[in-house]
Amino acid sequence: PALNENGWEELRSYSRPKLVLLGDADTVVSYARLKKHFTADKQFQVIAGADHFWWGFEEEMRKRVAKFLTG
């Protein structure tokens, strides 16, 4: 997510289940900024090698989202 500081806090405090995926090669959303708001747990996952647009990692993202949605 590309959010301003208020948006990050609002997203973090949202009480419904959420999944945040980030590629470690993302040059738009920084890992440091995301880590400031989320812990490395089920809701925040880093995908090694993926960029902001997920080129070549679509299947990996699909699997993680499907697992999150199906519990």
Protein backbone atom coordinates (compact mmCIF):
# COMPACT_ATOMS: atom_id res chain seq x y z
CA PRO A 1 0.00 0.00 0.00
CA ALA A 2 1.16 3.50 -0.78
CA LEU A 3 -0.33 5.34 2.19
CA ASN A 4 0.33 8.57 4.02
CA GLU A 5 1.19 8.32 7.73
CA ASN A 6 -2.44 8.57 8.86
CA GLY A 7 -3.42 5.83 6.41
CA TRP A 8 -0.78 3.45 7.79
CA GLU A 9 -2.07 3.92 11.33
CA GLU A 10 -5.66 3.45 10.21
CA LEU A 11 -4.77 0.28 8.32
CA ARG A 12 -2.78 -1.10 11.26
CA SER A 13 -5.63 -0.49 13.69
CA TYR A 14 -8.27 -1.99 11.39
CA SER A 15 -9.72 -4.85 13.40
CA ARG A 16 -10.64 -7.20 10.54
CA PRO A 17 -8.14 -9.81 9.31
CA LYS A 18 -5.69 -8.43 6.78
CA LEU A 19 -2.76 -9.63 4.72
CA VAL A 20 0.05 -7.35 3.60
CA LEU A 21 2.44 -8.78 1.01
CA LEU A 22 5.65 -7.01 0.04
CA GLY A 23 8.34 -7.97 -2.42
CA ASP A 24 11.82 -7.34 -1.08
CA ALA A 25 12.75 -5.83 -4.47
CA ASP A 26 9.88 -3.29 -4.28
CA THR A 27 11.20 0.20 -5.01
CA VAL A 28 7.85 1.95 -4.38
CA VAL A 29 6.92 0.72 -0.89
CA SER A 30 9.87 0.37 1.44
CA TYR A 31 10.35 -2.63 3.69
CA ALA A 32 11.50 -0.37 6.52
CA ARG A 33 8.32 1.68 6.34
CA LEU A 34 6.07 -1.38 6.30
CA LYS A 35 8.00 -3.02 9.13
CA LYS A 36 7.43 0.11 11.21
CA HIS A 37 3.69 -0.61 11.11
CA PHE A 38 3.49 -4.39 10.88
CA THR A 39 5.34 -7.24 12.52
CA ALA A 40 6.68 -10.15 10.48
CA ASP A 41 3.81 -12.50 11.18
CA LYS A 42 0.80 -13.90 9.34
CA GLN A 43 -0.46 -10.43 8.40
CA PHE A 44 2.85 -9.16 6.95
CA GLN A 45 4.83 -11.37 4.60
CA VAL A 46 7.89 -10.55 2.50
CA ILE A 47 8.39 -12.34 -0.81
CA ALA A 48 12.06 -12.61 -1.77
CA GLY A 49 12.81 -11.31 -5.25
CA ALA A 50 9.38 -9.80 -5.99
CA ASP A 51 9.11 -6.21 -7.19
CA HIS A 52 6.22 -3.77 -6.80
CA PHE A 53 4.33 -5.23 -9.76
CA TRP A 54 4.95 -8.91 -8.85
CA TRP A 55 6.38 -9.80 -12.29
CA GLY A 56 7.12 -13.52 -12.21
CA PHE A 57 5.65 -13.90 -8.72
CA GLU A 58 1.95 -13.88 -9.57
CA GLU A 59 1.50 -17.56 -8.68
CA GLU A 60 3.27 -17.13 -5.33
CA MET A 61 1.04 -14.18 -4.50
CA ARG A 62 -2.05 -16.09 -5.62
CA LYS A 63 -1.19 -19.00 -3.31
CA ARG A 64 -0.65 -16.76 -0.29
CA VAL A 65 -3.84 -14.79 -0.86
CA ALA A 66 -5.85 -18.00 -1.38
CA LYS A 67 -4.43 -19.46 1.84
CA PHE A 68 -5.28 -16.28 3.73
CA LEU A 69 -8.86 -16.20 2.40
CA THR A 70 -9.55 -19.88 3.04
CA GLY A 71 -8.04 -19.86 6.51
